[in-house]
Protein backbone atom coordinates (compact mmCIF):
# COMPACT_ATOMS: atom_id res chain seq x y z
CA MET A 1 -17.60 -7.55 52.31
CA THR A 2 -21.40 -8.52 52.93
CA LEU A 3 -22.16 -11.89 54.43
CA ASP A 4 -23.09 -13.20 50.85
CA GLU A 5 -19.74 -11.93 49.40
CA GLN A 6 -17.76 -13.70 52.44
CA VAL A 7 -19.69 -16.99 51.85
CA ALA A 8 -19.05 -16.81 48.02
CA LEU A 9 -15.22 -15.98 48.44
CA LEU A 10 -14.75 -18.74 51.15
CA MET A 11 -16.60 -21.35 48.95
CA GLN A 12 -14.84 -20.34 45.81
CA GLY A 13 -12.85 -23.27 44.19
CA THR A 14 -14.52 -25.88 46.58
CA GLU A 15 -15.46 -29.35 45.36
CA TYR A 16 -17.50 -31.91 47.25
CA GLY A 17 -18.54 -34.47 44.42
CA ASP A 18 -22.07 -34.05 45.69
CA ASP A 19 -24.35 -30.91 45.40
CA THR A 20 -26.32 -31.84 48.53
CA LEU A 21 -23.17 -31.93 50.63
CA LYS A 22 -21.79 -28.64 49.13
CA ALA A 23 -25.14 -26.98 50.02
CA SER A 24 -25.17 -28.28 53.40
CA MET A 25 -21.50 -27.08 54.14
CA THR A 26 -22.40 -23.80 52.61
CA ARG A 27 -25.40 -23.35 54.87
CA GLU A 28 -23.47 -24.33 57.97
CA LEU A 29 -20.63 -21.94 57.03
CA ARG A 30 -23.12 -19.10 56.64
CA GLU A 31 -24.65 -19.94 60.17
CA ARG A 32 -21.19 -19.75 61.82
CA LEU A 33 -20.45 -16.51 60.13
CA GLU A 34 -23.70 -15.09 61.17
CA ALA A 35 -22.62 -15.60 64.76
CA GLY A 36 -20.28 -12.70 64.38
CA ARG A 37 -17.28 -14.15 66.33
CA PRO A 38 -13.85 -15.27 65.02
CA LEU A 39 -14.16 -18.94 63.70
CA ARG A 40 -11.29 -21.42 64.70
CA VAL A 41 -9.91 -22.46 61.31
CA TYR A 42 -7.13 -24.94 60.46
CA CYS A 43 -5.56 -27.07 57.83
CA GLY A 44 -3.09 -29.73 58.57
CA TYR A 45 0.20 -30.51 56.67
CA ASP A 46 2.11 -33.65 56.81
CA PRO A 47 5.98 -32.77 56.26
CA THR A 48 6.64 -35.79 53.88
CA SER A 49 9.01 -33.69 51.90
CA THR A 50 10.95 -30.66 52.09
CA ASP A 51 9.91 -28.42 49.12
CA LEU A 52 6.31 -27.17 48.49
CA HIS A 53 4.93 -26.57 45.05
CA LEU A 54 2.04 -24.38 43.91
CA GLY A 55 -0.49 -27.22 44.37
CA HIS A 56 0.35 -27.55 48.20
CA THR A 57 -0.56 -23.80 48.53
CA ILE A 58 -4.38 -24.17 47.49
CA THR A 59 -5.45 -24.77 51.19
CA MET A 60 -3.08 -21.95 52.40
CA ARG A 61 -4.71 -19.45 50.09
CA LYS A 62 -8.02 -20.56 51.64
CA LEU A 63 -6.58 -20.01 55.04
CA ARG A 64 -5.37 -16.56 54.14
CA GLN A 65 -8.95 -15.75 52.90
CA PHE A 66 -10.19 -16.60 56.36
CA GLN A 67 -7.32 -14.58 58.04
CA ASP A 68 -8.15 -11.45 55.89
CA LEU A 69 -11.77 -11.69 57.18
CA GLY A 70 -10.63 -11.79 60.78
CA HIS A 71 -10.68 -15.30 61.67
CA ASP A 72 -8.38 -17.35 63.90
CA VAL A 73 -6.15 -19.50 61.82
CA THR A 74 -3.81 -22.49 62.75
CA PHE A 75 -1.21 -24.00 60.44
CA LEU A 76 -0.92 -27.37 61.89
CA ILE A 77 2.12 -29.63 61.09
CA GLY A 78 1.19 -33.21 61.25
CA SER A 79 4.44 -34.34 63.20
CA TYR A 80 2.48 -37.45 64.38
CA THR A 81 0.27 -38.19 61.44
CA ALA A 82 3.21 -38.00 59.12
CA LEU A 83 4.55 -41.00 61.01
CA VAL A 84 1.67 -43.03 59.94
CA GLY A 85 1.25 -41.71 56.39
CA ASP A 86 -2.07 -40.69 54.68
CA PRO A 87 -3.44 -43.27 52.41
CA SER A 88 -6.14 -40.98 50.98
CA ASP A 89 -4.84 -40.38 47.57
CA LYS A 90 -2.65 -43.43 47.31
CA ASN A 91 -2.94 -46.92 45.73
CA LYS A 92 -0.49 -48.34 48.17
CA ALA A 93 0.75 -47.89 51.61
CA ARG A 94 3.04 -44.74 52.24
CA PRO A 95 6.56 -45.57 53.62
CA ILE A 96 6.71 -44.69 57.36
CA LEU A 97 8.87 -41.84 58.30
CA THR A 98 11.05 -41.58 61.34
CA HIS A 99 10.85 -38.73 63.92
CA GLU A 100 14.02 -37.46 62.52
CA GLN A 101 12.78 -37.17 58.83
CA VAL A 102 9.61 -35.57 59.98
CA ALA A 103 11.46 -32.90 62.06
CA ALA A 104 13.85 -32.12 59.14
CA ASN A 105 11.06 -31.69 56.69
CA ALA A 106 9.05 -29.47 59.09
CA LEU A 107 11.72 -26.99 59.35
CA THR A 108 10.93 -25.57 55.92
CA TYR A 109 7.15 -25.97 55.75
CA ALA A 110 6.16 -23.05 57.85
CA GLU A 111 8.71 -20.66 56.25
CA GLN A 112 7.47 -21.46 52.77
CA ALA A 113 3.78 -21.19 53.91
CA PHE A 114 4.40 -17.60 55.09
CA ARG A 115 4.68 -16.52 51.56
CA VAL A 116 0.92 -16.93 51.49
CA LEU A 117 -0.12 -16.57 55.15
CA ASP A 118 0.17 -13.57 57.26
CA ARG A 119 3.02 -14.58 59.74
CA SER A 120 1.62 -12.21 62.58
CA ARG A 121 -1.71 -13.82 62.41
CA THR A 122 -0.82 -17.40 62.10
CA ARG A 123 -0.64 -19.95 64.93
CA VAL A 124 1.67 -22.82 64.17
CA ARG A 125 1.15 -26.00 66.06
CA TYR A 126 2.29 -29.77 65.91
CA ASN A 127 -0.23 -32.40 66.44
CA GLY A 128 2.11 -34.37 68.45
CA GLU A 129 1.04 -32.07 71.22
CA TRP A 130 -2.17 -34.22 71.73
CA LEU A 131 -1.62 -37.40 69.60
CA SER A 132 1.51 -38.42 71.60
CA LYS A 133 -0.64 -38.44 74.82
CA LEU A 134 -3.29 -40.99 73.59
CA THR A 135 -3.21 -44.23 75.12
CA LEU A 136 -4.14 -47.52 73.47
CA VAL A 137 -7.56 -47.42 75.28
CA ASP A 138 -8.08 -43.85 73.95
CA LEU A 139 -7.41 -45.27 70.26
CA ILE A 140 -9.82 -48.05 70.94
CA ARG A 141 -12.47 -45.74 71.99
CA LEU A 142 -11.99 -43.52 68.92
CA GLY A 143 -12.26 -46.57 66.71
CA GLN A 144 -15.63 -47.54 68.31
CA ASN A 145 -17.23 -44.68 66.23
CA PHE A 146 -16.40 -46.34 63.02
CA THR A 147 -17.02 -49.54 61.14
CA VAL A 148 -14.52 -51.37 59.00
CA GLN A 149 -17.00 -51.19 56.13
CA GLN A 150 -16.62 -47.43 56.19
CA PHE A 151 -13.02 -47.74 55.41
CA LEU A 152 -13.35 -50.46 52.75
CA VAL A 153 -15.69 -48.46 50.65
CA ARG A 154 -13.23 -45.67 50.14
CA GLU A 155 -12.13 -45.69 46.57
CA ASN A 156 -8.31 -46.25 47.13
CA PHE A 157 -8.98 -49.28 49.70
CA ALA A 158 -11.74 -50.62 47.49
CA LYS A 159 -9.46 -50.79 44.45
CA ARG A 160 -6.56 -52.27 46.51
CA LEU A 161 -9.08 -54.94 48.02
CA GLU A 162 -10.35 -55.81 44.48
CA LYS A 163 -6.75 -56.34 43.28
CA GLY A 164 -5.76 -58.45 46.29
CA GLU A 165 -3.17 -55.83 47.39
CA PRO A 166 -2.61 -55.38 51.11
CA ILE A 167 -4.36 -52.74 53.38
CA TYR A 168 -2.45 -52.46 56.60
CA ILE A 169 -4.39 -51.83 59.87
CA HIS A 170 -2.17 -48.81 60.79
CA GLU A 171 -3.56 -47.05 57.61
CA THR A 172 -6.94 -47.02 59.14
CA PHE A 173 -5.52 -45.12 62.06
CA TYR A 174 -4.76 -41.90 60.01
CA ALA A 175 -8.35 -40.79 59.76
CA LEU A 176 -8.98 -41.29 63.62
CA MET A 177 -5.78 -39.24 64.23
CA GLN A 178 -6.84 -36.46 61.97
CA GLY A 179 -10.31 -36.56 63.23
CA TYR A 180 -8.84 -36.14 66.81
CA ASP A 181 -6.98 -32.96 65.62
CA ALA A 182 -10.19 -31.28 65.06
CA VAL A 183 -11.47 -32.39 68.50
CA ALA A 184 -8.27 -31.22 70.30
CA GLN A 185 -8.62 -27.81 68.75
CA GLU A 186 -12.36 -27.53 69.10
CA THR A 187 -12.39 -26.69 65.31
CA ASP A 188 -15.04 -24.51 63.75
CA VAL A 189 -13.77 -25.02 60.16
CA GLN A 190 -11.25 -27.38 58.62
CA VAL A 191 -9.88 -26.80 55.17
CA GLY A 192 -8.50 -29.64 53.04
CA GLY A 193 -8.31 -30.98 49.45
CA THR A 194 -10.82 -33.43 47.82
CA ASP A 195 -8.46 -36.19 48.89
CA GLN A 196 -9.26 -35.39 52.54
CA LEU A 197 -13.12 -35.53 52.18
CA PHE A 198 -13.42 -38.78 54.19
CA ASN A 199 -11.04 -37.63 56.90
CA ILE A 200 -12.73 -34.27 57.32
CA ILE A 201 -16.36 -34.87 56.64
CA VAL A 202 -16.73 -38.28 58.03
CA ALA A 203 -14.01 -38.72 60.62
CA GLY A 204 -13.60 -35.05 61.91
CA ARG A 205 -17.35 -34.35 62.25
CA LYS A 206 -18.17 -37.80 63.68
CA LEU A 207 -15.61 -37.65 66.48
CA GLN A 208 -16.48 -33.99 67.28
CA GLU A 209 -20.11 -35.10 67.72
CA ALA A 210 -19.09 -38.12 69.80
CA MET A 211 -17.12 -35.83 72.04
CA GLY A 212 -20.00 -33.34 72.53
CA GLN A 213 -18.81 -30.67 70.13
CA ARG A 214 -20.53 -29.00 67.21
CA PRO A 215 -19.54 -30.81 64.05
CA LEU A 216 -17.00 -28.70 61.92
CA VAL A 217 -17.53 -27.15 58.54
CA GLY A 218 -15.45 -28.95 55.90
CA VAL A 219 -14.22 -26.50 53.30
CA ILE A 220 -13.01 -28.75 50.47
CA THR A 221 -10.69 -27.29 47.84
CA GLY A 222 -10.30 -28.43 44.43
CA ILE A 223 -6.95 -30.13 43.31
CA LEU A 224 -4.48 -28.08 41.15
CA PRO A 225 -3.67 -29.57 37.81
CA GLY A 226 -0.02 -29.38 36.76
CA THR A 227 1.38 -27.42 33.79
CA ASP A 228 -0.04 -30.00 31.52
CA GLY A 229 -3.53 -28.95 32.67
CA THR A 230 -4.66 -32.44 33.15
CA GLN A 231 -2.66 -34.48 35.68
CA ARG A 232 -2.56 -33.49 39.41
CA MET A 233 0.58 -31.33 40.13
CA SER A 234 3.21 -33.69 41.28
CA LYS A 235 6.92 -33.95 41.33
CA SER A 236 6.57 -37.58 39.83
CA GLN A 237 4.60 -36.15 36.91
CA GLY A 238 7.32 -33.43 36.35
CA ASN A 239 4.57 -30.74 35.98
CA VAL A 240 5.09 -28.63 39.14
CA ILE A 241 5.35 -25.11 39.53
CA PRO A 242 7.86 -24.86 42.65
CA ILE A 243 7.60 -22.20 45.36
CA ASN A 244 11.33 -22.11 45.91
CA THR A 245 12.32 -21.04 42.32
CA THR A 246 12.75 -17.59 40.70
CA ALA A 247 10.18 -15.02 39.72
CA GLU A 248 11.02 -15.47 36.15
CA ASP A 249 10.83 -19.30 36.18
CA MET A 250 7.40 -19.12 38.03
CA TYR A 251 6.03 -16.65 35.32
CA GLY A 252 7.34 -18.84 32.48
CA LYS A 253 5.71 -22.02 33.93
CA VAL A 254 2.40 -20.28 34.34
CA MET A 255 2.38 -19.02 30.91
CA SER A 256 3.08 -22.58 29.54
CA LEU A 257 -0.53 -23.70 30.95
CA PRO A 258 -3.05 -24.51 28.35
CA ASP A 259 -5.87 -21.98 28.18
CA PHE A 260 -8.50 -24.44 29.49
CA ALA A 261 -6.58 -24.67 32.76
CA MET A 262 -6.82 -20.92 33.56
CA PRO A 263 -10.17 -20.92 35.37
CA GLN A 264 -8.99 -23.50 37.93
CA TYR A 265 -5.77 -21.45 38.43
CA MET A 266 -7.82 -18.27 38.90
CA ARG A 267 -10.15 -19.83 41.45
CA LEU A 268 -7.51 -21.85 43.39
CA VAL A 269 -4.37 -19.75 43.55
CA THR A 270 -5.20 -16.08 43.15
CA ARG A 271 -6.28 -13.21 45.31
CA TRP A 272 -9.04 -12.40 42.73
CA THR A 273 -12.74 -12.31 43.86
CA PRO A 274 -15.54 -14.38 42.34
CA ALA A 275 -16.71 -11.12 40.52
CA GLN A 276 -13.44 -10.50 39.04
CA ILE A 277 -12.91 -14.03 37.80
CA ALA A 278 -16.33 -14.00 36.23
CA GLU A 279 -15.60 -10.73 34.34
CA TYR A 280 -12.39 -12.35 32.87
CA GLU A 281 -14.11 -15.51 31.99
CA GLN A 282 -16.94 -13.81 30.41
CA GLY A 283 -14.61 -11.44 28.53
CA MET A 284 -12.72 -14.29 26.98
CA ALA A 285 -16.00 -16.09 26.08
CA ALA A 286 -17.41 -12.99 24.39
CA GLY A 287 -14.07 -12.23 22.67
CA ARG A 288 -13.53 -8.96 24.60
CA ARG A 289 -10.32 -10.35 26.35
CA ASN A 290 -7.61 -12.18 24.63
CA PRO A 291 -6.81 -15.48 26.50
CA ARG A 292 -3.14 -14.68 26.18
CA ASP A 293 -3.58 -11.38 27.92
CA VAL A 294 -5.64 -12.95 30.66
CA LYS A 295 -2.86 -15.64 31.21
CA MET A 296 -0.29 -12.92 31.44
CA MET A 297 -2.41 -11.16 34.15
CA LEU A 298 -2.67 -14.47 35.82
CA ALA A 299 1.03 -15.02 35.70
CA ARG A 300 1.65 -11.46 37.13
CA GLU A 301 -0.67 -12.19 39.93
CA ILE A 302 0.73 -15.43 40.91
CA VAL A 303 4.29 -14.03 40.91
CA ALA A 304 3.27 -11.07 42.89
CA ILE A 305 1.97 -13.34 45.68
CA TYR A 306 5.09 -15.15 46.13
CA TYR A 307 7.79 -12.66 45.05
CA GLY A 308 6.06 -9.25 45.50
CA GLU A 309 4.74 -6.76 43.11
CA ASP A 310 8.09 -5.37 42.24
CA GLN A 311 9.34 -8.58 40.77
CA ALA A 312 6.12 -9.39 38.72
CA ALA A 313 7.10 -6.68 35.99
CA PRO A 314 10.62 -7.70 35.45
CA ALA A 315 9.46 -11.29 35.27
CA GLU A 316 7.03 -10.36 32.48
CA GLU A 317 9.69 -8.46 30.50
CA SER A 318 12.06 -11.36 30.79
CA PHE A 319 9.39 -13.80 29.51
CA LYS A 320 8.63 -11.49 26.51
CA ALA A 321 12.34 -11.06 25.75
CA VAL A 322 13.14 -14.75 26.02
CA PHE A 323 10.13 -16.43 24.67
CA GLN A 324 7.87 -14.17 22.65
CA LYS A 325 10.99 -12.75 20.75
CA HIS A 326 13.18 -15.93 20.62
CA ALA A 327 14.31 -17.20 17.34
CA LEU A 328 12.20 -14.66 15.20
CA PRO A 329 13.66 -13.87 11.76
CA GLU A 330 14.83 -10.18 11.31
CA GLU A 331 12.61 -9.79 8.31
CA MET A 332 8.89 -11.17 7.98
CA ASP A 333 5.90 -10.42 5.60
CA VAL A 334 3.46 -7.94 7.19
CA VAL A 335 -0.15 -8.45 6.80
CA GLN A 336 -3.04 -6.16 7.61
CA VAL A 337 -5.91 -8.17 9.47
CA SER A 338 -9.38 -6.79 9.88
CA GLY A 339 -11.54 -8.13 12.66
CA GLU A 340 -10.71 -11.51 14.23
CA PRO A 341 -10.82 -14.24 11.54
CA LEU A 342 -10.72 -17.79 12.37
CA ILE A 343 -6.93 -18.88 12.55
CA ALA A 344 -7.43 -21.93 10.29
CA ASP A 345 -9.09 -19.65 7.67
CA PHE A 346 -6.43 -17.13 7.96
CA LEU A 347 -3.66 -19.50 7.46
CA ALA A 348 -5.23 -21.03 4.40
CA GLU A 349 -6.11 -17.67 2.75
CA LYS A 350 -2.55 -16.25 3.20
CA GLY A 351 -0.92 -19.34 1.80
CA LEU A 352 0.77 -20.25 5.00
CA VAL A 353 -0.78 -23.86 4.68
CA LYS A 354 -2.12 -25.72 1.69
CA SER A 355 -5.62 -26.13 2.99
CA LYS A 356 -7.80 -25.49 5.88
CA SER A 357 -7.82 -29.12 6.90
CA GLU A 358 -3.99 -28.93 7.17
CA ALA A 359 -4.46 -25.77 9.27
CA ARG A 360 -6.68 -27.62 11.63
CA ARG A 361 -4.29 -30.55 11.81
CA LEU A 362 -1.39 -28.32 12.59
CA ILE A 363 -3.40 -26.51 15.30
CA GLU A 364 -4.35 -29.79 16.86
CA GLN A 365 -0.56 -30.78 16.98
CA LYS A 366 0.20 -27.40 18.50
CA GLY A 367 2.15 -26.43 15.52
CA VAL A 368 0.69 -22.95 15.33
CA LYS A 369 1.63 -20.14 17.66
CA VAL A 370 0.69 -16.60 18.15
CA ASP A 371 3.35 -14.48 19.94
CA GLY A 372 4.90 -17.72 21.18
CA GLN A 373 1.77 -19.19 22.59
CA ALA A 374 0.53 -22.37 21.04
CA VAL A 375 -3.05 -22.25 19.61
CA GLU A 376 -5.13 -24.88 21.36
CA ASP A 377 -8.45 -24.63 19.78
CA VAL A 378 -9.09 -25.43 16.10
CA GLY A 379 -12.01 -22.92 16.31
CA ALA A 380 -9.69 -20.10 17.84
CA ARG A 381 -9.76 -16.55 16.26
CA LEU A 382 -6.89 -14.38 15.54
CA SER A 383 -7.19 -12.02 18.44
CA PHE A 384 -4.37 -9.48 19.14
CA THR A 385 -3.91 -5.79 19.99
CA GLY A 386 -1.62 -3.72 17.85
CA GLU A 387 0.62 -6.33 16.17
CA ALA A 388 1.57 -9.95 16.78
CA VAL A 389 3.82 -12.69 15.17
CA VAL A 390 2.11 -15.90 13.82
CA GLN A 391 4.26 -18.90 13.56
CA VAL A 392 3.33 -21.89 11.54
CA GLY A 393 5.54 -25.10 12.21
CA LYS A 394 9.23 -24.22 12.71
CA ARG A 395 10.11 -21.98 9.91
CA LYS A 396 7.04 -19.98 8.59
CA PHE A 397 6.56 -16.44 10.26
CA VAL A 398 4.19 -13.53 9.53
CA LYS A 399 3.71 -10.35 11.42
CA VAL A 400 0.09 -9.36 11.52
CA LYS A 401 -1.15 -5.81 12.19
CA ALA A 402 -4.66 -4.67 13.12
CA GLY A 403 -6.19 -2.56 10.51
């Protein structure tokens, strides 16, 4: 890859909430890459539970990109930060875990991570190595680099303060501890989600500078939405795609995504390059590519990452058999379709609905499907290759053929 291509790949899917900050981090990353030496890159993971889902792997995918470009990657298990609990994305204090709980959860983390990372090129460390050696005086000296106001303006703390909800002193320790992780490892690049922006950009960089080190480059990745396409992927939301599942289940869950969520998944969880993703997006926008076909490519890619190429094709065939052909009547009217008419117009013209307004209403209610996939957009066109099945409501079916 050229330097420009490397920078584009490593910054793909990043979000900073500020264009100036993103430009600054992009420039600093380029400067480090220009030096021509392997960069020290890490991401920390607090073992607060045992099972990972696809949302947890976003930063792992970024670490893998650095690995593939020859950089030095550390998978850091937060054996000590997990004892405090990260308040970054929470509107209340996290429960404090015991050493035993952390140790038990950590056993499964690295093994699941190696479905993404190259085991032979991954260093696994625990931040208890250095955090356990800090004294009270050390913690005070770290704290001298920050003000209380810096913590209180953080969105989650500000909201709790406004509501009169408690903010515990130990919660402010977390950013200091994570910042010290960067110092202890003499980090060049730290990867983390947008919920880690303060911990990485403020705490990590500030402590490194205070300790005489060059401030790290923060590569801040976007947050993956769940299968609903809107809420953050979370077990509590019931919208997760687990890592420890089956190839068939993973494929089916990816296929359940709304079309508008595909770009985020392409950028955050695939091995596709920026150029490939741009081609798929432009193809869909121009009508050259059917969104359903692109989604099937996306599902195959994700399954291949976690279960291997040999499991992706059978998972796709299983999906087709179970979902696309499920509950179809043995006999259906066959309609020849020329071009790509608006689906709402097609339904009205063929008498499948009483009017175009009823067609649009059904589409908005996700009551119209093409080959088992709900139509999301009232302006969608009937695009397919060869033949397809259009379902209106629960009982009306028609087979359409190109011609």
